[in-house]
Amino acid sequence: MWFFNDEERELQKVCRDFALKELAPFAQENDEKEQFNIDAFKKMGELGLLGITADPKYGGAGLGATAATIVMEEFGAVCASSTLSYLAHAILCVNNIQQNGSEEQKEKFLPKLISGEHIGCMGMSEPEYGSDALGIQTKAVNHKDHYLINGAKMWITNAQYSDIAYIYTRTGKNKKDLTTFILEKSNGDFSVGKPIHKMGMRASPTGELIFENSKVPLNSRVGNEGESTYHMMKNLEIERITISGISLGIARSCVDQCLKYSSERKQFGKKIGDFQLIQKMIAEMSTETEMMKHFLYSACKEYDQGKKGPVMAAQVKLALPKMATKIALDAIQLHGGYGYSREFQLERYLRDNKLNEIGAGTNEVMIMIIAKTLLKESQ
C-alpha cells in the first residue's frame, strides 16, 4: 500500500519470507493431520511478532492495526490455520492484557507470552452462547479473598496448548455485568475438554475450557467488576479488522494460483488463459482482491489514527470474508476437477476462509451492528 512506512514494508518482507519458509511447506500436511505447527509459532516469538501491538518495555513491537494486519495477510496467504492461532494469541490474549491489564499483570504475563514461552487464548463463547456474547453464564463469585469460577468456554482457539487464558465471566445479574480474569493453567485455574474437529482451520487447535470451582486470587481480575463489556467491544474492533487480513491473504493466493494455472493448463489446443471466459474470471477476482486490500488497509490506517468505531470494523469483517469465499469458489471453478481435488490447495483455502464468516462475529451479527448503528445515527 502507498502509505506503508519503511517499518511496515520491512515487516511485510520478513513475514512473507517467514511464511514461505516456516508455514507453507507444512500447511497441507498439518491440515490433513489436524496438527499445530508449534515450532513455527515459537519462532514467531523470536521474530518479535507475538507482541505486535504490545509495549516494547514488555518485549512487544509497539505497532498498530496496520502492522498486525500485514502479518495476518502474509501468514494467511499460505496457512490460515497457523494465522488464526497467531491471532488468538497476539490479538485476543496479548493485546487484551496490554490494553486492559494492570501494570502488575502486564509485567507478569506479557514477557513470556511475547517471547513464545507461553501460549495464550481468550474465552468468550460458550456452549449455549455464541453470537449472544453478553449472555454468557460462566460465573465468578467473590469470596472476599478469592473468586470461585464455574462454567465452560467453547470454540476456544489454542485451548489445548494455552498456558494463559483471558476469560469473560458473569459477576452480576445485569446482562452487562461482565468481569475478566487472567487464568493460569499451571495453577489449575482451568482444564481442557476434548478437541473440536472442524471443516477448516484444521491445523489450528480448538477446544473447550472448563472451570469447576476454580479458585483464583483477586489479582487475577482485570480492572473492576462489571466493566469488561467495554473491554470486550473495544477488542472486538481490532479483532474484526485483523482477522479480515487472513481473508485478504487467501484471496491473493487464489488469484496467484489461477494466473499460474491459466498460463499452463491447455484445453482445445491452447492455454485456457486465452479463453475470454477465463480472462473474465481472472479480471474479476483480481479486481475484487484489490478492492479488499484498499478497503482493509484504509480501515487499518483510520483505526491507527484513532478513528475507531463498531461500524467500520463490522463493515470490513462483513465484506472481506464474503468476498474471499466468492473468490475461492471462482478459483475452484476455474481449475475444474483439479480445483475440487485435494491435489491443489484451493479447497483448503475455501474451507479455511469460511470460518472468517463465522468467527469474531457472524456475517448476520455484522449486518445487525451496521444497520442498527447507522439507523440510530440517522435519527
Protein backbone atom coordinates (compact mmCIF):
# COMPACT_ATOMS: atom_id res chain seq x y z
CA MET A 1 0.00 0.00 0.00
CA TRP A 2 1.16 3.50 -0.77
CA PHE A 3 1.00 4.64 2.86
CA PHE A 4 3.05 1.79 4.39
CA ASN A 5 6.05 3.26 6.15
CA ASP A 6 9.53 1.74 5.93
CA GLU A 7 9.00 -0.32 9.08
CA GLU A 8 5.76 -1.77 7.74
CA ARG A 9 7.34 -2.61 4.37
CA GLU A 10 10.19 -4.39 6.12
CA LEU A 11 7.67 -6.23 8.30
CA GLN A 12 5.82 -7.31 5.16
CA LYS A 13 9.01 -8.75 3.66
CA VAL A 14 10.03 -10.52 6.88
CA CYS A 15 6.59 -12.08 7.27
CA ARG A 16 6.40 -13.16 3.63
CA ASP A 17 9.82 -14.83 3.84
CA PHE A 18 8.91 -16.48 7.15
CA ALA A 19 5.59 -17.73 5.77
CA LEU A 20 7.22 -19.30 2.72
CA LYS A 21 9.93 -20.97 4.80
CA GLU A 22 8.21 -21.95 8.05
CA LEU A 23 4.48 -22.24 7.20
CA ALA A 24 3.94 -23.10 3.53
CA PRO A 25 5.93 -26.39 3.42
CA PHE A 26 3.88 -27.86 6.26
CA ALA A 27 0.44 -26.35 5.71
CA GLN A 28 -1.12 -29.13 3.65
CA GLU A 29 0.14 -31.99 5.84
CA ASN A 30 -0.82 -30.19 9.05
CA ASP A 31 -4.31 -29.62 7.66
CA GLU A 32 -4.70 -33.31 6.81
CA LYS A 33 -3.40 -34.48 10.20
CA GLU A 34 -5.00 -31.67 12.23
CA GLN A 35 -1.69 -30.84 13.86
CA PHE A 36 -0.50 -27.50 15.17
CA ASN A 37 2.75 -26.04 13.81
CA ILE A 38 4.05 -25.19 17.25
CA ASP A 39 7.65 -24.92 16.08
CA ALA A 40 6.76 -22.09 13.71
CA PHE A 41 4.68 -20.47 16.44
CA LYS A 42 7.67 -20.37 18.79
CA LYS A 43 9.80 -18.87 16.01
CA MET A 44 7.25 -16.06 15.64
CA GLY A 45 8.22 -15.13 19.20
CA GLU A 46 11.88 -14.99 18.22
CA LEU A 47 10.95 -12.52 15.47
CA GLY A 48 9.03 -10.33 17.93
CA LEU A 49 5.70 -10.91 16.21
CA LEU A 50 3.74 -12.38 19.12
CA GLY A 51 3.55 -8.99 20.80
CA ILE A 52 2.97 -6.95 17.65
CA THR A 53 0.75 -4.38 19.44
CA ALA A 54 2.32 -4.63 22.91
CA ASP A 55 4.56 -2.08 24.59
CA PRO A 56 8.30 -2.57 23.83
CA LYS A 57 9.11 -2.48 27.55
CA TYR A 58 7.50 -5.93 27.83
CA GLY A 59 9.20 -7.15 24.65
CA GLY A 60 6.49 -6.06 22.22
CA ALA A 61 6.79 -4.23 18.91
CA GLY A 62 4.53 -1.32 19.85
CA LEU A 63 2.82 -1.27 16.44
CA GLY A 64 -0.81 -0.88 15.41
CA ALA A 65 -3.62 -2.48 13.44
CA THR A 66 -1.88 -1.90 10.10
CA ALA A 67 1.18 -3.87 11.15
CA ALA A 68 -0.89 -6.62 12.75
CA THR A 69 -2.96 -6.94 9.57
CA ILE A 70 0.17 -7.18 7.44
CA VAL A 71 1.18 -10.22 9.49
CA MET A 72 -2.29 -11.74 9.09
CA GLU A 73 -2.26 -11.25 5.32
CA GLU A 74 1.21 -12.67 4.73
CA PHE A 75 0.71 -15.68 7.01
CA GLY A 76 -2.89 -16.18 5.87
CA ALA A 77 -1.79 -16.40 2.25
CA VAL A 78 -0.08 -19.73 2.94
CA CYS A 79 -1.53 -21.16 6.16
CA ALA A 80 -4.72 -19.66 7.55
CA SER A 81 -4.75 -22.16 10.43
CA SER A 82 -1.43 -21.00 11.85
CA THR A 83 -2.57 -17.42 11.35
CA LEU A 84 -5.77 -17.98 13.31
CA SER A 85 -3.74 -19.36 16.22
CA TYR A 86 -1.46 -16.35 15.92
CA LEU A 87 -4.46 -14.00 16.05
CA ALA A 88 -5.90 -15.74 19.13
CA HIS A 89 -2.60 -15.32 20.91
CA ALA A 90 -1.41 -11.90 19.75
CA ILE A 91 -4.73 -10.04 19.46
CA LEU A 92 -7.22 -11.84 21.70
CA CYS A 93 -4.85 -12.55 24.57
CA VAL A 94 -1.74 -10.33 24.42
CA ASN A 95 -3.47 -7.20 23.10
CA ASN A 96 -6.26 -7.55 25.65
CA ILE A 97 -3.79 -7.74 28.51
CA GLN A 98 -1.83 -4.82 27.05
CA GLN A 99 -4.94 -2.66 26.79
CA ASN A 100 -6.78 -3.65 29.96
CA GLY A 101 -4.39 -5.28 32.41
CA SER A 102 -2.76 -3.66 35.43
CA GLU A 103 0.94 -2.89 35.43
CA GLU A 104 1.49 -5.89 37.68
CA GLN A 105 -0.40 -8.17 35.27
CA LYS A 106 1.46 -6.85 32.24
CA GLU A 107 4.83 -7.40 33.90
CA LYS A 108 3.85 -10.90 34.98
CA PHE A 109 2.23 -12.25 31.80
CA LEU A 110 3.34 -10.30 28.74
CA PRO A 111 7.08 -11.10 28.54
CA LYS A 112 6.57 -14.88 28.38
CA LEU A 113 3.60 -14.56 26.03
CA ILE A 114 5.53 -12.27 23.72
CA SER A 115 8.65 -14.46 23.69
CA GLY A 116 6.59 -17.55 22.87
CA GLU A 117 7.49 -19.32 26.10
CA HIS A 118 3.79 -19.25 26.93
CA ILE A 119 0.81 -19.58 24.58
CA GLY A 120 -2.40 -17.67 25.21
CA CYS A 121 -6.08 -17.86 24.35
CA MET A 122 -9.26 -15.92 25.02
CA GLY A 123 -12.55 -17.33 26.30
CA MET A 124 -15.77 -15.60 25.29
CA SER A 125 -18.09 -18.06 23.51
CA GLU A 126 -19.86 -20.76 25.50
CA PRO A 127 -21.71 -23.97 24.59
CA GLU A 128 -25.05 -22.12 24.70
CA TYR A 129 -23.84 -18.58 23.96
CA GLY A 130 -22.00 -17.68 20.77
CA SER A 131 -23.31 -14.62 18.96
CA ASP A 132 -25.05 -13.51 22.16
CA ALA A 133 -21.76 -12.61 23.82
CA LEU A 134 -23.45 -10.66 26.62
CA GLY A 135 -25.50 -13.70 27.57
CA ILE A 136 -22.55 -15.70 28.87
CA GLN A 137 -23.18 -17.75 32.00
CA THR A 138 -19.72 -18.66 33.29
CA LYS A 139 -19.89 -17.21 36.80
CA ALA A 140 -17.26 -15.76 39.10
CA VAL A 141 -18.33 -15.40 42.72
CA ASN A 142 -16.40 -13.09 45.03
CA HIS A 143 -15.43 -14.72 48.33
CA LYS A 144 -13.58 -11.64 49.65
CA ASP A 145 -10.05 -13.05 49.36
CA HIS A 146 -10.60 -15.08 46.17
CA TYR A 147 -13.08 -15.88 43.39
CA LEU A 148 -14.70 -19.19 42.53
CA ILE A 149 -15.31 -19.63 38.80
CA ASN A 150 -17.67 -22.21 37.33
CA GLY A 151 -18.68 -22.74 33.72
CA ALA A 152 -17.23 -23.56 30.32
CA LYS A 153 -15.98 -21.82 27.20
CA MET A 154 -16.42 -23.34 23.75
CA TRP A 155 -14.71 -22.93 20.35
CA ILE A 156 -11.51 -21.70 22.00
CA THR A 157 -8.58 -21.38 19.61
CA ASN A 158 -5.32 -22.66 21.13
CA ALA A 159 -7.20 -24.22 24.07
CA GLN A 160 -5.11 -27.40 24.20
CA TYR A 161 -1.80 -25.54 24.08
CA SER A 162 -2.56 -22.49 26.21
CA ASP A 163 -0.73 -21.63 29.38
CA ILE A 164 -2.75 -18.44 29.86
CA ALA A 165 -6.46 -17.87 29.32
CA TYR A 166 -8.09 -14.42 29.24
CA ILE A 167 -11.74 -15.14 30.05
CA TYR A 168 -15.01 -13.26 30.45
CA THR A 169 -17.32 -14.17 33.34
CA ARG A 170 -20.61 -13.02 34.82
CA THR A 171 -20.38 -11.31 38.21
CA GLY A 172 -23.85 -9.73 38.46
CA LYS A 173 -27.47 -10.07 37.41
CA ASN A 174 -27.38 -7.29 34.84
CA LYS A 175 -26.57 -8.52 31.31
CA LYS A 176 -23.57 -6.18 31.12
CA ASP A 177 -22.11 -7.23 34.48
CA LEU A 178 -19.14 -8.99 32.93
CA THR A 179 -15.72 -9.28 34.53
CA THR A 180 -12.46 -10.53 33.05
CA PHE A 181 -9.84 -12.79 34.61
CA ILE A 182 -6.39 -13.92 33.55
CA LEU A 183 -6.10 -17.60 34.40
CA GLU A 184 -3.03 -19.84 34.55
CA LYS A 185 -3.09 -23.49 33.57
CA SER A 186 -0.13 -24.25 35.84
CA ASN A 187 -2.23 -23.19 38.84
CA GLY A 188 -5.09 -25.46 37.84
CA ASP A 189 -7.31 -22.47 37.03
CA PHE A 190 -8.80 -24.31 34.06
CA SER A 191 -8.84 -27.69 32.35
CA VAL A 192 -9.31 -28.50 28.69
CA GLY A 193 -12.07 -30.66 27.19
CA LYS A 194 -11.86 -32.83 24.11
CA PRO A 195 -10.58 -31.27 20.86
CA ILE A 196 -13.10 -29.98 18.34
CA HIS A 197 -12.71 -31.32 14.80
CA LYS A 198 -13.54 -28.72 12.18
CA MET A 199 -14.30 -28.37 8.48
CA GLY A 200 -11.50 -25.84 8.02
CA MET A 201 -8.70 -24.23 10.04
CA ARG A 202 -7.88 -27.83 10.91
CA ALA A 203 -4.27 -27.12 11.88
CA SER A 204 -5.41 -24.56 14.45
CA PRO A 205 -6.26 -26.37 17.71
CA THR A 206 -9.77 -25.70 19.02
CA GLY A 207 -11.25 -26.94 22.27
CA GLU A 208 -13.27 -26.29 25.40
CA LEU A 209 -12.11 -24.60 28.61
CA ILE A 210 -13.69 -25.96 31.79
CA PHE A 211 -13.92 -24.24 35.16
CA GLU A 212 -15.00 -26.35 38.13
CA ASN A 213 -14.82 -24.38 41.36
CA SER A 214 -11.67 -22.76 40.06
CA LYS A 215 -10.24 -20.81 42.99
CA VAL A 216 -8.39 -17.76 41.69
CA PRO A 217 -6.82 -14.86 43.61
CA LEU A 218 -8.25 -11.35 43.48
CA ASN A 219 -5.27 -10.12 41.49
CA SER A 220 -6.35 -12.37 38.60
CA ARG A 221 -9.21 -9.99 37.95
CA VAL A 222 -8.70 -7.43 35.16
CA GLY A 223 -9.95 -3.99 36.21
CA ASN A 224 -13.07 -3.59 38.30
CA GLU A 225 -16.05 -5.88 38.49
CA GLY A 226 -18.63 -5.32 35.78
CA GLU A 227 -16.57 -3.17 33.42
CA SER A 228 -15.49 -5.81 30.91
CA THR A 229 -18.29 -5.25 28.39
CA TYR A 230 -16.41 -2.14 27.26
CA HIS A 231 -13.14 -4.11 27.10
CA MET A 232 -14.84 -6.80 25.02
CA MET A 233 -16.35 -4.44 22.47
CA LYS A 234 -13.15 -2.45 22.12
CA ASN A 235 -11.01 -5.51 21.39
CA LEU A 236 -13.59 -6.93 19.01
CA GLU A 237 -12.93 -3.98 16.69
CA ILE A 238 -9.25 -4.77 16.17
CA GLU A 239 -10.02 -8.49 16.04
CA ARG A 240 -12.54 -7.99 13.23
CA ILE A 241 -10.17 -5.81 11.26
CA THR A 242 -7.14 -8.05 11.62
CA ILE A 243 -8.93 -11.37 11.00
CA SER A 244 -10.04 -9.87 7.67
CA GLY A 245 -6.34 -9.82 6.76
CA ILE A 246 -6.45 -13.62 6.66
CA SER A 247 -9.23 -13.44 4.06
CA LEU A 248 -7.19 -10.98 2.01
CA GLY A 249 -4.23 -13.36 2.06
CA ILE A 250 -6.45 -16.25 0.96
CA ALA A 251 -7.94 -14.21 -1.89
CA ARG A 252 -4.49 -13.13 -3.04
CA SER A 253 -3.27 -16.72 -3.14
CA CYS A 254 -6.35 -17.81 -5.08
CA VAL A 255 -5.61 -15.21 -7.77
CA ASP A 256 -1.95 -16.26 -7.89
CA GLN A 257 -2.93 -19.91 -8.32
CA CYS A 258 -5.37 -19.03 -11.10
CA LEU A 259 -2.80 -16.98 -13.01
CA LYS A 260 -0.28 -19.81 -12.83
CA TYR A 261 -2.80 -22.49 -13.81
CA SER A 262 -4.26 -20.47 -16.67
CA SER A 263 -0.80 -20.00 -18.13
CA GLU A 264 0.00 -23.72 -18.01
CA ARG A 265 -3.23 -25.67 -18.49
CA LYS A 266 -4.23 -26.40 -22.11
CA GLN A 267 -7.63 -27.34 -23.50
CA PHE A 268 -8.82 -27.45 -27.12
CA GLY A 269 -5.26 -26.89 -28.25
CA LYS A 270 -4.48 -23.68 -26.40
CA LYS A 271 -3.84 -22.32 -22.92
CA ILE A 272 -7.06 -21.75 -21.00
CA GLY A 273 -5.89 -18.22 -20.25
CA ASP A 274 -6.57 -17.43 -23.90
CA PHE A 275 -10.30 -18.03 -23.44
CA GLN A 276 -12.35 -14.92 -22.73
CA LEU A 277 -14.46 -16.57 -20.02
CA ILE A 278 -11.28 -17.46 -18.09
CA GLN A 279 -9.97 -13.92 -18.62
CA LYS A 280 -13.24 -12.55 -17.25
CA MET A 281 -12.91 -14.68 -14.10
CA ILE A 282 -9.30 -13.63 -13.54
CA ALA A 283 -10.08 -9.95 -14.15
CA GLU A 284 -12.96 -10.01 -11.67
CA MET A 285 -11.06 -11.95 -8.99
CA SER A 286 -8.01 -9.70 -9.19
CA THR A 287 -10.17 -6.56 -9.10
CA GLU A 288 -12.11 -7.83 -6.10
CA THR A 289 -8.85 -8.63 -4.30
CA GLU A 290 -7.56 -5.12 -4.94
CA MET A 291 -10.81 -3.69 -3.58
CA MET A 292 -10.41 -5.84 -0.47
CA LYS A 293 -6.84 -4.65 0.04
CA HIS A 294 -7.64 -0.96 -0.26
CA PHE A 295 -10.73 -1.17 1.95
CA LEU A 296 -8.97 -3.17 4.63
CA TYR A 297 -5.80 -1.10 4.88
CA SER A 298 -7.73 2.16 4.71
CA ALA A 299 -9.68 0.93 7.74
CA CYS A 300 -6.41 -0.05 9.43
CA LYS A 301 -4.98 3.41 8.84
CA GLU A 302 -8.08 5.11 10.24
CA TYR A 303 -8.03 2.79 13.26
CA ASP A 304 -4.38 3.62 13.96
CA GLN A 305 -5.22 7.33 13.66
CA GLY A 306 -7.84 6.95 16.37
CA LYS A 307 -10.92 6.88 14.13
CA LYS A 308 -12.40 3.83 15.80
CA GLY A 309 -15.94 2.54 15.99
CA PRO A 310 -18.03 -0.61 15.63
CA VAL A 311 -19.38 0.20 12.16
CA MET A 312 -16.04 0.43 10.35
CA ALA A 313 -14.79 -2.83 11.86
CA ALA A 314 -18.08 -4.60 11.17
CA GLN A 315 -18.16 -3.42 7.55
CA VAL A 316 -14.65 -4.73 6.92
CA LYS A 317 -15.48 -8.00 8.65
CA LEU A 318 -18.70 -8.38 6.66
CA ALA A 319 -17.22 -7.54 3.25
CA LEU A 320 -13.83 -9.25 3.10
CA PRO A 321 -14.57 -12.82 4.22
CA LYS A 322 -17.67 -12.92 1.99
CA MET A 323 -15.67 -11.73 -1.00
CA ALA A 324 -12.82 -14.14 -0.27
CA THR A 325 -15.27 -17.05 -0.20
CA LYS A 326 -16.58 -15.98 -3.62
CA ILE A 327 -13.05 -15.70 -4.97
CA ALA A 328 -12.11 -19.13 -3.62
CA LEU A 329 -15.22 -20.64 -5.22
CA ASP A 330 -14.41 -18.95 -8.54
CA ALA A 331 -10.83 -20.21 -8.33
CA ILE A 332 -12.04 -23.77 -7.79
CA GLN A 333 -14.39 -23.42 -10.75
CA LEU A 334 -11.57 -22.16 -12.96
CA HIS A 335 -9.43 -25.18 -12.02
CA GLY A 336 -12.25 -27.61 -12.76
CA GLY A 337 -11.76 -31.10 -11.32
CA TYR A 338 -8.30 -30.22 -10.05
CA GLY A 339 -9.75 -27.36 -8.02
CA TYR A 340 -12.18 -29.74 -6.36
CA SER A 341 -9.44 -32.24 -5.57
CA ARG A 342 -7.06 -32.11 -2.64
CA GLU A 343 -4.14 -32.14 -5.07
CA PHE A 344 -4.42 -28.35 -5.18
CA GLN A 345 -4.72 -26.04 -2.16
CA LEU A 346 -7.81 -24.18 -3.28
CA GLU A 347 -10.28 -26.40 -1.44
CA ARG A 348 -8.31 -25.75 1.76
CA TYR A 349 -8.45 -22.02 1.15
CA LEU A 350 -12.22 -22.25 0.81
CA ARG A 351 -12.68 -24.38 3.92
CA ASP A 352 -10.40 -22.15 5.97
CA ASN A 353 -11.97 -18.88 4.87
CA LYS A 354 -15.49 -20.00 5.76
CA LEU A 355 -14.52 -19.70 9.42
CA ASN A 356 -13.90 -15.98 8.89
CA GLU A 357 -17.59 -15.55 8.07
CA ILE A 358 -18.44 -17.08 11.46
CA GLY A 359 -15.70 -16.31 13.98
CA ALA A 360 -15.30 -12.86 15.59
CA GLY A 361 -18.98 -12.27 14.86
CA THR A 362 -21.04 -13.89 12.12
CA ASN A 363 -21.99 -12.09 8.92
CA GLU A 364 -25.50 -11.74 10.32
CA VAL A 365 -24.25 -10.09 13.50
CA MET A 366 -22.14 -7.69 11.41
CA ILE A 367 -25.23 -6.73 9.41
CA MET A 368 -27.15 -6.11 12.62
CA ILE A 369 -24.38 -3.91 14.09
CA ILE A 370 -24.01 -1.85 10.92
CA ALA A 371 -27.71 -1.34 10.31
CA LYS A 372 -28.69 -0.58 13.92
CA THR A 373 -25.83 1.89 14.40
CA LEU A 374 -26.46 3.73 11.14
CA LEU A 375 -30.22 3.90 11.73
CA LYS A 376 -29.67 5.20 15.24
CA GLU A 377 -27.25 7.86 13.98
CA SER A 378 -29.68 8.95 11.28
CA GLN A 379 -32.33 9.68 13.91
